[in-house]
Amino acid sequence: MGLLQELNEQRWQPPRSDDKELLDWLDVLAQMVPDHTYWINRGISVDVLRRLEGGLHPPAMQSKMTGRYLFPIREHRGAGRIVGWTGRLVSDASFGPKHKHLVRVSRVVYPLHVTREPILRARKAVIVEGKGDELAVMTGGIDYVIDLLGLHVNSHLLGFLIGANLDEVVISTNNDTLGK
């Protein structure tokens, strides 16, 4: 069986999390603080942040994502339910990695729940390394973007790209150790 046939025959399953905390995060979306200052100061459009449902982690809640600007990760097929979270550290008082994901990144194509139609309409995709790149590209008016969440290429992404039969795919990574 060839790669194309294998990827097309894979049955997509929504990502699952063994992390009980993820199940409690539905409340977080409703309680996130709509303070977009961090990203606005970096030239990102408020409209893009709102379309991706971004906001600050609720200060009263303590979790692995405290001190981060969050975006829900929604399944790109089906009902669009929340299957995970991605967050960028924005608070000097918090510790940990700059970017954190509460999802199995090998099971998602992000933010395809928002960018699927623009990708199919344009017949092209711009694939970027991370959140800041994704937001900057979308702010620049390019909605046919996919964020690798730190260079996580998976069979779901490859299956989507092959199945979409796009005319053009641009891959843009940062010129740093991770992106080389």
N, C-alpha and C. Protein backbone atom coordinates (compact mmCIF):
# COMPACT_ATOMS: atom_id res chain seq x y z
N MET A 1 0.85 -1.17 0.00
CA MET A 1 0.00 0.00 0.00
C MET A 1 0.90 1.24 0.00
N GLY A 2 0.64 2.18 -0.91
CA GLY A 2 1.42 3.39 -0.99
C GLY A 2 1.06 4.38 0.12
N LEU A 3 1.93 5.36 0.34
CA LEU A 3 1.73 6.36 1.39
C LEU A 3 0.42 7.11 1.18
N LEU A 4 0.14 7.53 -0.04
CA LEU A 4 -1.09 8.28 -0.31
C LEU A 4 -2.32 7.47 0.07
N GLN A 5 -2.36 6.21 -0.36
CA GLN A 5 -3.50 5.36 -0.04
C GLN A 5 -3.61 5.14 1.46
N GLU A 6 -2.46 4.91 2.10
CA GLU A 6 -2.46 4.68 3.55
C GLU A 6 -2.99 5.90 4.30
N LEU A 7 -2.53 7.10 3.92
CA LEU A 7 -2.97 8.33 4.59
C LEU A 7 -4.45 8.58 4.33
N ASN A 8 -4.91 8.35 3.12
CA ASN A 8 -6.32 8.59 2.80
C ASN A 8 -7.25 7.59 3.47
N GLU A 9 -6.75 6.39 3.76
CA GLU A 9 -7.59 5.37 4.38
C GLU A 9 -7.60 5.46 5.90
N GLN A 10 -6.70 6.23 6.46
CA GLN A 10 -6.69 6.36 7.92
C GLN A 10 -8.00 6.97 8.37
N ARG A 11 -8.58 6.38 9.34
CA ARG A 11 -9.82 6.93 9.89
C ARG A 11 -9.44 7.94 10.97
N TRP A 12 -9.88 9.17 10.79
CA TRP A 12 -9.54 10.21 11.76
C TRP A 12 -10.35 10.00 13.03
N GLN A 13 -9.66 10.06 14.16
CA GLN A 13 -10.30 9.98 15.46
C GLN A 13 -9.98 11.27 16.21
N PRO A 14 -10.94 11.84 16.93
CA PRO A 14 -10.62 13.04 17.69
C PRO A 14 -9.54 12.73 18.72
N PRO A 15 -8.63 13.67 18.96
CA PRO A 15 -7.60 13.45 19.96
C PRO A 15 -8.22 13.19 21.32
N ARG A 16 -7.56 12.39 22.10
CA ARG A 16 -8.01 12.12 23.45
C ARG A 16 -6.93 12.55 24.41
N SER A 17 -7.33 12.89 25.60
CA SER A 17 -6.36 13.28 26.61
C SER A 17 -6.54 12.41 27.83
N ASP A 18 -5.42 11.97 28.37
CA ASP A 18 -5.44 11.24 29.64
C ASP A 18 -5.43 12.23 30.79
N ASP A 19 -5.29 13.50 30.47
CA ASP A 19 -5.17 14.55 31.48
C ASP A 19 -6.57 14.97 31.92
N LYS A 20 -6.97 14.58 33.14
CA LYS A 20 -8.30 14.92 33.65
C LYS A 20 -8.52 16.43 33.62
N GLU A 21 -7.42 17.18 33.79
CA GLU A 21 -7.53 18.64 33.80
C GLU A 21 -8.19 19.15 32.52
N LEU A 22 -7.92 18.53 31.37
CA LEU A 22 -8.50 18.98 30.11
C LEU A 22 -10.01 18.97 30.17
N LEU A 23 -10.58 17.98 30.85
CA LEU A 23 -12.03 17.88 30.93
C LEU A 23 -12.63 19.04 31.71
N ASP A 24 -11.87 19.64 32.61
CA ASP A 24 -12.35 20.76 33.40
C ASP A 24 -12.15 22.11 32.70
N TRP A 25 -11.57 22.11 31.52
CA TRP A 25 -11.22 23.36 30.85
C TRP A 25 -12.36 24.00 30.09
N LEU A 26 -13.48 23.35 30.03
CA LEU A 26 -14.60 23.99 29.35
C LEU A 26 -14.99 25.27 30.08
N ASP A 27 -14.84 25.29 31.40
CA ASP A 27 -15.12 26.50 32.18
C ASP A 27 -14.11 27.61 31.87
N VAL A 28 -12.90 27.22 31.52
CA VAL A 28 -11.85 28.21 31.27
C VAL A 28 -12.22 29.11 30.11
N LEU A 29 -12.75 28.53 29.04
CA LEU A 29 -13.10 29.32 27.86
C LEU A 29 -14.05 30.46 28.23
N ALA A 30 -15.02 30.17 29.06
CA ALA A 30 -16.00 31.19 29.46
C ALA A 30 -15.39 32.23 30.40
N GLN A 31 -14.33 31.85 31.13
CA GLN A 31 -13.76 32.76 32.13
C GLN A 31 -12.47 33.43 31.69
N MET A 32 -11.99 33.15 30.47
CA MET A 32 -10.74 33.76 30.02
C MET A 32 -10.90 35.28 29.97
N VAL A 33 -9.83 35.96 30.28
CA VAL A 33 -9.82 37.43 30.31
C VAL A 33 -9.51 37.93 28.89
N PRO A 34 -10.38 38.76 28.30
CA PRO A 34 -10.15 39.24 26.94
C PRO A 34 -9.14 40.38 26.88
N ASP A 35 -7.99 40.18 27.51
CA ASP A 35 -6.91 41.17 27.49
C ASP A 35 -5.90 40.71 26.45
N HIS A 36 -5.87 41.41 25.31
CA HIS A 36 -5.02 41.02 24.19
C HIS A 36 -3.75 41.86 24.10
N THR A 37 -3.41 42.57 25.16
CA THR A 37 -2.30 43.52 25.16
C THR A 37 -0.99 42.89 24.67
N TYR A 38 -0.68 41.71 25.16
CA TYR A 38 0.58 41.06 24.79
C TYR A 38 0.71 40.96 23.26
N TRP A 39 -0.32 40.46 22.62
CA TRP A 39 -0.26 40.25 21.18
C TRP A 39 -0.43 41.55 20.40
N ILE A 40 -1.28 42.46 20.90
CA ILE A 40 -1.44 43.76 20.23
C ILE A 40 -0.11 44.50 20.19
N ASN A 41 0.66 44.43 21.27
CA ASN A 41 1.98 45.08 21.31
C ASN A 41 2.96 44.46 20.32
N ARG A 42 2.63 43.32 19.79
CA ARG A 42 3.46 42.65 18.78
C ARG A 42 2.84 42.76 17.38
N GLY A 43 1.83 43.66 17.25
CA GLY A 43 1.25 43.95 15.95
C GLY A 43 0.18 42.98 15.48
N ILE A 44 -0.36 42.16 16.38
CA ILE A 44 -1.36 41.17 16.01
C ILE A 44 -2.76 41.78 16.09
N SER A 45 -3.59 41.45 15.12
CA SER A 45 -4.95 41.96 15.01
C SER A 45 -5.86 41.37 16.09
N VAL A 46 -6.66 42.22 16.71
CA VAL A 46 -7.64 41.76 17.69
C VAL A 46 -8.66 40.85 17.02
N ASP A 47 -9.01 41.13 15.78
CA ASP A 47 -9.96 40.30 15.05
C ASP A 47 -9.44 38.86 14.93
N VAL A 48 -8.17 38.69 14.62
CA VAL A 48 -7.58 37.35 14.51
C VAL A 48 -7.62 36.66 15.87
N LEU A 49 -7.27 37.38 16.93
CA LEU A 49 -7.27 36.80 18.28
C LEU A 49 -8.67 36.34 18.67
N ARG A 50 -9.66 37.13 18.32
CA ARG A 50 -11.05 36.77 18.64
C ARG A 50 -11.52 35.57 17.82
N ARG A 51 -11.17 35.55 16.53
CA ARG A 51 -11.57 34.40 15.69
C ARG A 51 -11.00 33.10 16.21
N LEU A 52 -9.82 33.17 16.79
CA LEU A 52 -9.18 31.97 17.35
C LEU A 52 -9.54 31.76 18.82
N GLU A 53 -10.42 32.62 19.36
CA GLU A 53 -10.96 32.52 20.72
C GLU A 53 -9.90 32.67 21.80
N GLY A 54 -8.90 33.52 21.53
CA GLY A 54 -7.80 33.69 22.49
C GLY A 54 -8.14 34.58 23.66
N GLY A 55 -7.43 34.35 24.76
CA GLY A 55 -7.59 35.18 25.95
C GLY A 55 -6.63 34.74 27.04
N LEU A 56 -6.51 35.57 28.06
CA LEU A 56 -5.63 35.25 29.19
C LEU A 56 -6.26 34.19 30.08
N HIS A 57 -5.43 33.31 30.57
CA HIS A 57 -5.87 32.30 31.53
C HIS A 57 -6.50 33.02 32.71
N PRO A 58 -7.65 32.55 33.20
CA PRO A 58 -8.31 33.22 34.33
C PRO A 58 -7.38 33.29 35.55
N PRO A 59 -7.13 34.48 36.09
CA PRO A 59 -6.20 34.63 37.20
C PRO A 59 -6.60 33.84 38.45
N ALA A 60 -7.89 33.66 38.67
CA ALA A 60 -8.35 32.96 39.88
C ALA A 60 -8.15 31.45 39.80
N MET A 61 -7.93 30.93 38.61
CA MET A 61 -7.76 29.48 38.44
C MET A 61 -6.27 29.15 38.39
N GLN A 62 -5.86 28.14 39.12
CA GLN A 62 -4.47 27.70 39.08
C GLN A 62 -4.41 26.41 38.27
N SER A 63 -3.49 26.35 37.31
CA SER A 63 -3.34 25.16 36.48
C SER A 63 -1.97 25.19 35.80
N LYS A 64 -1.76 24.22 34.93
CA LYS A 64 -0.52 24.15 34.16
C LYS A 64 -0.39 25.33 33.20
N MET A 65 -1.48 26.04 32.96
CA MET A 65 -1.47 27.12 31.98
C MET A 65 -1.54 28.51 32.61
N THR A 66 -1.38 28.60 33.91
CA THR A 66 -1.39 29.89 34.60
C THR A 66 -0.31 30.80 34.01
N GLY A 67 -0.67 32.08 33.80
CA GLY A 67 0.27 33.06 33.27
C GLY A 67 0.41 33.01 31.76
N ARG A 68 -0.51 32.33 31.10
CA ARG A 68 -0.41 32.16 29.65
C ARG A 68 -1.63 32.76 28.93
N TYR A 69 -1.37 33.18 27.71
CA TYR A 69 -2.43 33.56 26.80
C TYR A 69 -2.83 32.28 26.09
N LEU A 70 -4.11 31.91 26.16
CA LEU A 70 -4.57 30.61 25.69
C LEU A 70 -5.39 30.68 24.41
N PHE A 71 -5.33 29.59 23.67
CA PHE A 71 -6.20 29.35 22.53
C PHE A 71 -6.72 27.93 22.64
N PRO A 72 -8.02 27.73 22.52
CA PRO A 72 -8.53 26.36 22.51
C PRO A 72 -8.15 25.68 21.19
N ILE A 73 -7.89 24.40 21.27
CA ILE A 73 -7.66 23.60 20.07
C ILE A 73 -8.93 22.78 19.86
N ARG A 74 -9.56 23.02 18.74
CA ARG A 74 -10.82 22.34 18.44
C ARG A 74 -10.59 21.27 17.39
N GLU A 75 -11.39 20.21 17.46
CA GLU A 75 -11.30 19.18 16.43
C GLU A 75 -11.64 19.83 15.10
N HIS A 76 -10.94 19.40 14.05
CA HIS A 76 -11.17 20.01 12.74
C HIS A 76 -12.21 19.26 11.93
N ARG A 77 -12.72 18.20 12.45
CA ARG A 77 -13.84 17.47 11.84
C ARG A 77 -14.89 17.30 12.93
N GLY A 78 -16.08 17.04 12.55
CA GLY A 78 -17.11 16.80 13.54
C GLY A 78 -17.67 18.09 14.11
N ALA A 79 -17.97 18.07 15.40
CA ALA A 79 -18.68 19.18 16.04
C ALA A 79 -17.78 20.34 16.44
N GLY A 80 -16.48 20.22 16.27
CA GLY A 80 -15.58 21.30 16.64
C GLY A 80 -15.39 21.43 18.13
N ARG A 81 -15.56 20.33 18.87
CA ARG A 81 -15.41 20.39 20.32
C ARG A 81 -13.95 20.66 20.70
N ILE A 82 -13.74 21.21 21.88
CA ILE A 82 -12.40 21.50 22.37
C ILE A 82 -11.71 20.18 22.73
N VAL A 83 -10.53 19.96 22.15
CA VAL A 83 -9.77 18.75 22.42
C VAL A 83 -8.43 19.05 23.10
N GLY A 84 -8.13 20.33 23.28
CA GLY A 84 -6.87 20.69 23.91
C GLY A 84 -6.70 22.20 23.97
N TRP A 85 -5.52 22.60 24.43
CA TRP A 85 -5.20 24.02 24.58
C TRP A 85 -3.76 24.25 24.19
N THR A 86 -3.50 25.44 23.67
CA THR A 86 -2.14 25.88 23.44
C THR A 86 -2.01 27.25 24.11
N GLY A 87 -0.87 27.49 24.73
CA GLY A 87 -0.71 28.75 25.45
C GLY A 87 0.71 29.30 25.35
N ARG A 88 0.79 30.63 25.33
CA ARG A 88 2.06 31.35 25.27
C ARG A 88 2.25 32.05 26.60
N LEU A 89 3.40 31.83 27.23
CA LEU A 89 3.72 32.48 28.49
C LEU A 89 3.78 34.00 28.27
N VAL A 90 3.01 34.76 29.05
CA VAL A 90 2.99 36.21 28.90
C VAL A 90 3.24 36.92 30.22
N SER A 91 3.33 36.17 31.29
CA SER A 91 3.51 36.75 32.61
C SER A 91 4.92 36.51 33.11
N ASP A 92 5.55 37.57 33.59
CA ASP A 92 6.89 37.44 34.15
C ASP A 92 6.90 36.63 35.44
N ALA A 93 5.74 36.53 36.09
CA ALA A 93 5.65 35.83 37.37
C ALA A 93 5.54 34.32 37.20
N SER A 94 5.36 33.85 35.96
CA SER A 94 5.19 32.42 35.72
C SER A 94 6.49 31.80 35.23
N PHE A 95 6.60 30.51 35.42
CA PHE A 95 7.78 29.78 35.01
C PHE A 95 7.39 28.68 34.05
N GLY A 96 8.36 28.15 33.36
CA GLY A 96 8.10 27.04 32.46
C GLY A 96 8.45 27.41 31.04
N PRO A 97 8.16 26.50 30.12
CA PRO A 97 8.46 26.76 28.71
C PRO A 97 7.63 27.91 28.16
N LYS A 98 8.18 28.59 27.16
CA LYS A 98 7.49 29.72 26.54
C LYS A 98 6.14 29.30 25.95
N HIS A 99 6.11 28.16 25.28
CA HIS A 99 4.89 27.63 24.69
C HIS A 99 4.56 26.30 25.35
N LYS A 100 3.29 26.08 25.61
CA LYS A 100 2.85 24.82 26.22
C LYS A 100 1.56 24.38 25.54
N HIS A 101 1.47 23.08 25.31
CA HIS A 101 0.29 22.51 24.67
C HIS A 101 -0.29 21.43 25.56
N LEU A 102 -1.59 21.50 25.81
CA LEU A 102 -2.30 20.44 26.51
C LEU A 102 -3.13 19.69 25.47
N VAL A 103 -2.45 18.88 24.69
CA VAL A 103 -3.07 18.09 23.64
C VAL A 103 -1.99 17.16 23.10
N ARG A 104 -2.39 16.07 22.53
CA ARG A 104 -1.43 15.23 21.81
C ARG A 104 -1.25 15.84 20.44
N VAL A 105 -0.14 16.55 20.25
CA VAL A 105 0.07 17.28 19.00
C VAL A 105 0.18 16.36 17.80
N SER A 106 0.41 15.09 18.02
CA SER A 106 0.47 14.14 16.92
C SER A 106 -0.91 13.82 16.36
N ARG A 107 -1.96 14.34 16.99
CA ARG A 107 -3.33 14.03 16.57
C ARG A 107 -4.10 15.24 16.05
N VAL A 108 -3.47 16.41 15.98
CA VAL A 108 -4.23 17.60 15.58
C VAL A 108 -3.57 18.32 14.41
N VAL A 109 -4.39 19.05 13.67
CA VAL A 109 -3.93 19.98 12.64
C VAL A 109 -4.54 21.31 13.05
N TYR A 110 -3.69 22.23 13.50
CA TYR A 110 -4.17 23.47 14.11
C TYR A 110 -3.82 24.67 13.24
N PRO A 111 -4.67 25.64 13.10
CA PRO A 111 -6.06 25.80 13.51
C PRO A 111 -7.02 25.47 12.36
N LEU A 112 -7.00 24.26 11.92
CA LEU A 112 -7.79 23.86 10.76
C LEU A 112 -9.29 24.08 10.95
N HIS A 113 -9.75 24.12 12.18
CA HIS A 113 -11.17 24.40 12.42
C HIS A 113 -11.55 25.79 11.92
N VAL A 114 -10.58 26.70 11.81
CA VAL A 114 -10.80 28.06 11.32
C VAL A 114 -10.30 28.22 9.89
N THR A 115 -9.21 27.55 9.54
CA THR A 115 -8.54 27.81 8.26
C THR A 115 -8.83 26.79 7.15
N ARG A 116 -9.58 25.76 7.45
CA ARG A 116 -9.86 24.72 6.44
C ARG A 116 -10.49 25.31 5.18
N GLU A 117 -11.57 26.07 5.34
CA GLU A 117 -12.27 26.63 4.16
C GLU A 117 -11.37 27.59 3.37
N PRO A 118 -10.66 28.53 4.04
CA PRO A 118 -9.76 29.39 3.27
C PRO A 118 -8.68 28.61 2.51
N ILE A 119 -8.16 27.53 3.12
CA ILE A 119 -7.15 26.71 2.45
C ILE A 119 -7.75 26.07 1.19
N LEU A 120 -8.91 25.49 1.34
CA LEU A 120 -9.54 24.81 0.19
C LEU A 120 -9.94 25.80 -0.90
N ARG A 121 -10.41 26.99 -0.49
CA ARG A 121 -10.80 28.03 -1.45
C ARG A 121 -9.58 28.55 -2.23
N ALA A 122 -8.47 28.81 -1.50
CA ALA A 122 -7.27 29.36 -2.14
C ALA A 122 -6.46 28.28 -2.86
N ARG A 123 -6.71 27.02 -2.52
CA ARG A 123 -5.97 25.87 -3.05
C ARG A 123 -4.48 25.96 -2.70
N LYS A 124 -4.21 26.58 -1.55
CA LYS A 124 -2.83 26.64 -1.06
C LYS A 124 -2.83 26.77 0.45
N ALA A 125 -1.66 26.46 1.03
CA ALA A 125 -1.49 26.54 2.48
C ALA A 125 -0.10 27.09 2.80
N VAL A 126 -0.06 27.90 3.84
CA VAL A 126 1.21 28.36 4.40
C VAL A 126 1.34 27.65 5.75
N ILE A 127 2.41 26.89 5.90
CA ILE A 127 2.65 26.13 7.12
C ILE A 127 3.75 26.81 7.89
N VAL A 128 3.46 27.17 9.16
CA VAL A 128 4.42 27.91 9.98
C VAL A 128 4.75 27.11 11.24
N GLU A 129 5.84 27.52 11.87
CA GLU A 129 6.37 26.79 13.02
C GLU A 129 5.57 26.99 14.30
N GLY A 130 5.10 28.19 14.56
CA GLY A 130 4.50 28.43 15.87
C GLY A 130 3.45 29.51 15.90
N LYS A 131 2.97 29.75 17.10
CA LYS A 131 1.84 30.64 17.35
C LYS A 131 2.07 32.06 16.83
N GLY A 132 3.21 32.66 17.18
CA GLY A 132 3.48 34.03 16.74
C GLY A 132 3.49 34.15 15.23
N ASP A 133 4.09 33.17 14.56
CA ASP A 133 4.13 33.15 13.09
C ASP A 133 2.72 33.04 12.52
N GLU A 134 1.94 32.14 13.08
CA GLU A 134 0.55 31.93 12.62
C GLU A 134 -0.25 33.22 12.74
N LEU A 135 -0.17 33.87 13.91
CA LEU A 135 -0.94 35.09 14.14
C LEU A 135 -0.49 36.22 13.23
N ALA A 136 0.83 36.34 13.00
CA ALA A 136 1.34 37.39 12.11
C ALA A 136 0.87 37.18 10.68
N VAL A 137 0.91 35.94 10.20
CA VAL A 137 0.47 35.64 8.84
C VAL A 137 -1.03 35.95 8.69
N MET A 138 -1.82 35.55 9.68
CA MET A 138 -3.26 35.81 9.61
C MET A 138 -3.55 37.31 9.71
N THR A 139 -2.80 38.03 10.54
CA THR A 139 -2.96 39.48 10.64
C THR A 139 -2.64 40.14 9.30
N GLY A 140 -1.70 39.57 8.56
CA GLY A 140 -1.34 40.08 7.24
C GLY A 140 -2.36 39.74 6.16
N GLY A 141 -3.45 39.07 6.53
CA GLY A 141 -4.52 38.80 5.58
C GLY A 141 -4.47 37.43 4.93
N ILE A 142 -3.55 36.58 5.35
CA ILE A 142 -3.46 35.22 4.79
C ILE A 142 -4.12 34.27 5.77
N ASP A 143 -5.30 33.79 5.40
CA ASP A 143 -6.08 32.91 6.29
C ASP A 143 -5.84 31.43 6.04
N TYR A 144 -5.08 31.10 5.01
CA TYR A 144 -4.85 29.69 4.67
C TYR A 144 -3.54 29.20 5.32
N VAL A 145 -3.55 29.21 6.65
CA VAL A 145 -2.34 28.91 7.42
C VAL A 145 -2.55 27.70 8.33
N ILE A 146 -1.47 26.96 8.56
CA ILE A 146 -1.45 25.85 9.50
C ILE A 146 -0.25 26.06 10.42
N ASP A 147 -0.48 25.91 11.72
CA ASP A 147 0.56 26.09 12.74
C ASP A 147 1.03 24.70 13.16
N LEU A 148 2.33 24.43 13.02
CA LEU A 148 2.88 23.12 13.39
C LEU A 148 3.05 22.94 14.90
N LEU A 149 2.70 23.95 15.69
CA LEU A 149 2.84 23.88 17.14
C LEU A 149 4.24 23.41 17.53
N GLY A 150 5.25 24.01 16.88
CA GLY A 150 6.64 23.67 17.19
C GLY A 150 7.19 22.56 16.32
N LEU A 151 6.85 22.53 15.06
CA LEU A 151 7.36 21.56 14.09
C LEU A 151 6.85 20.14 14.28
N HIS A 152 5.62 20.01 14.72
CA HIS A 152 5.02 18.68 14.88
C HIS A 152 4.26 18.31 13.62
N VAL A 153 4.93 17.64 12.70
CA VAL A 153 4.30 17.15 11.47
C VAL A 153 3.73 15.77 11.79
N ASN A 154 2.50 15.52 11.39
CA ASN A 154 1.88 14.23 11.69
C ASN A 154 1.10 13.72 10.48
N SER A 155 0.64 12.49 10.58
CA SER A 155 -0.06 11.86 9.45
C SER A 155 -1.38 12.56 9.14
N HIS A 156 -2.01 13.18 10.11
CA HIS A 156 -3.27 13.90 9.86
C HIS A 156 -3.02 15.13 8.99
N LEU A 157 -1.92 15.83 9.26
CA LEU A 157 -1.55 16.98 8.43
C LEU A 157 -1.23 16.52 7.01
N LEU A 158 -0.40 15.50 6.88
CA LEU A 158 -0.04 15.01 5.55
C LEU A 158 -1.27 14.51 4.80
N GLY A 159 -2.13 13.80 5.49
CA GLY A 159 -3.36 13.31 4.85
C GLY A 159 -4.24 14.44 4.36
N PHE A 160 -4.37 15.50 5.19
CA PHE A 160 -5.17 16.64 4.77
C PHE A 160 -4.56 17.31 3.54
N LEU A 161 -3.25 17.56 3.56
CA LEU A 161 -2.59 18.24 2.44
C LEU A 161 -2.71 17.44 1.15
N ILE A 162 -2.50 16.13 1.24
CA ILE A 162 -2.60 15.29 0.04
C ILE A 162 -4.05 15.23 -0.44
N GLY A 163 -4.97 15.02 0.48
CA GLY A 163 -6.38 14.92 0.12
C GLY A 163 -6.95 16.21 -0.44
N ALA A 164 -6.42 17.35 -0.01
CA ALA A 164 -6.92 18.64 -0.47
C ALA A 164 -6.45 18.96 -1.88
N ASN A 165 -5.42 18.25 -2.36
CA ASN A 165 -4.92 18.44 -3.72
C ASN A 165 -4.63 19.92 -4.00
N LEU A 166 -3.83 20.52 -3.14
CA LEU A 166 -3.53 21.95 -3.23
C LEU A 166 -2.56 22.24 -4.37
N ASP A 167 -2.61 23.45 -4.89
CA ASP A 167 -1.69 23.88 -5.93
C ASP A 167 -0.34 24.31 -5.35
N GLU A 168 -0.37 24.79 -4.11
CA GLU A 168 0.86 25.33 -3.52
C GLU A 168 0.86 25.13 -2.01
N VAL A 169 2.00 24.68 -1.50
CA VAL A 169 2.21 24.57 -0.05
C VAL A 169 3.53 25.25 0.25
N VAL A 170 3.49 26.25 1.12
CA VAL A 170 4.69 26.98 1.53
C VAL A 170 4.98 26.59 2.98
N ILE A 171 6.21 26.16 3.24
CA ILE A 171 6.62 25.83 4.60
C ILE A 171 7.62 26.88 5.05
N SER A 172 7.30 27.55 6.15
CA SER A 172 8.14 28.62 6.65
C SER A 172 8.48 28.37 8.12
N THR A 173 9.75 28.09 8.39
CA THR A 173 10.19 27.88 9.77
C THR A 173 11.19 28.96 10.15
N ASN A 174 11.42 29.09 11.43
CA ASN A 174 12.36 30.08 11.93
C ASN A 174 13.80 29.64 11.69
N ASN A 175 14.68 30.60 11.57
CA ASN A 175 16.10 30.30 11.35
C ASN A 175 16.78 30.14 12.71
N ASP A 176 16.36 29.13 13.46
CA ASP A 176 16.98 28.84 14.75
C ASP A 176 17.24 27.33 14.81
N THR A 177 17.73 26.87 15.91
CA THR A 177 18.07 25.45 16.04
C THR A 177 16.89 24.54 15.75
N LEU A 178 15.72 24.88 16.26
CA LEU A 178 14.54 24.05 16.04
C LEU A 178 14.10 24.07 14.58
N GLY A 179 14.18 25.23 13.93
CA GLY A 179 13.70 25.37 12.57
C GLY A 179 14.64 24.91 11.49
N LYS A 180 15.89 24.58 11.81
CA LYS A 180 16.85 24.14 10.80
C LYS A 180 16.74 22.66 10.51
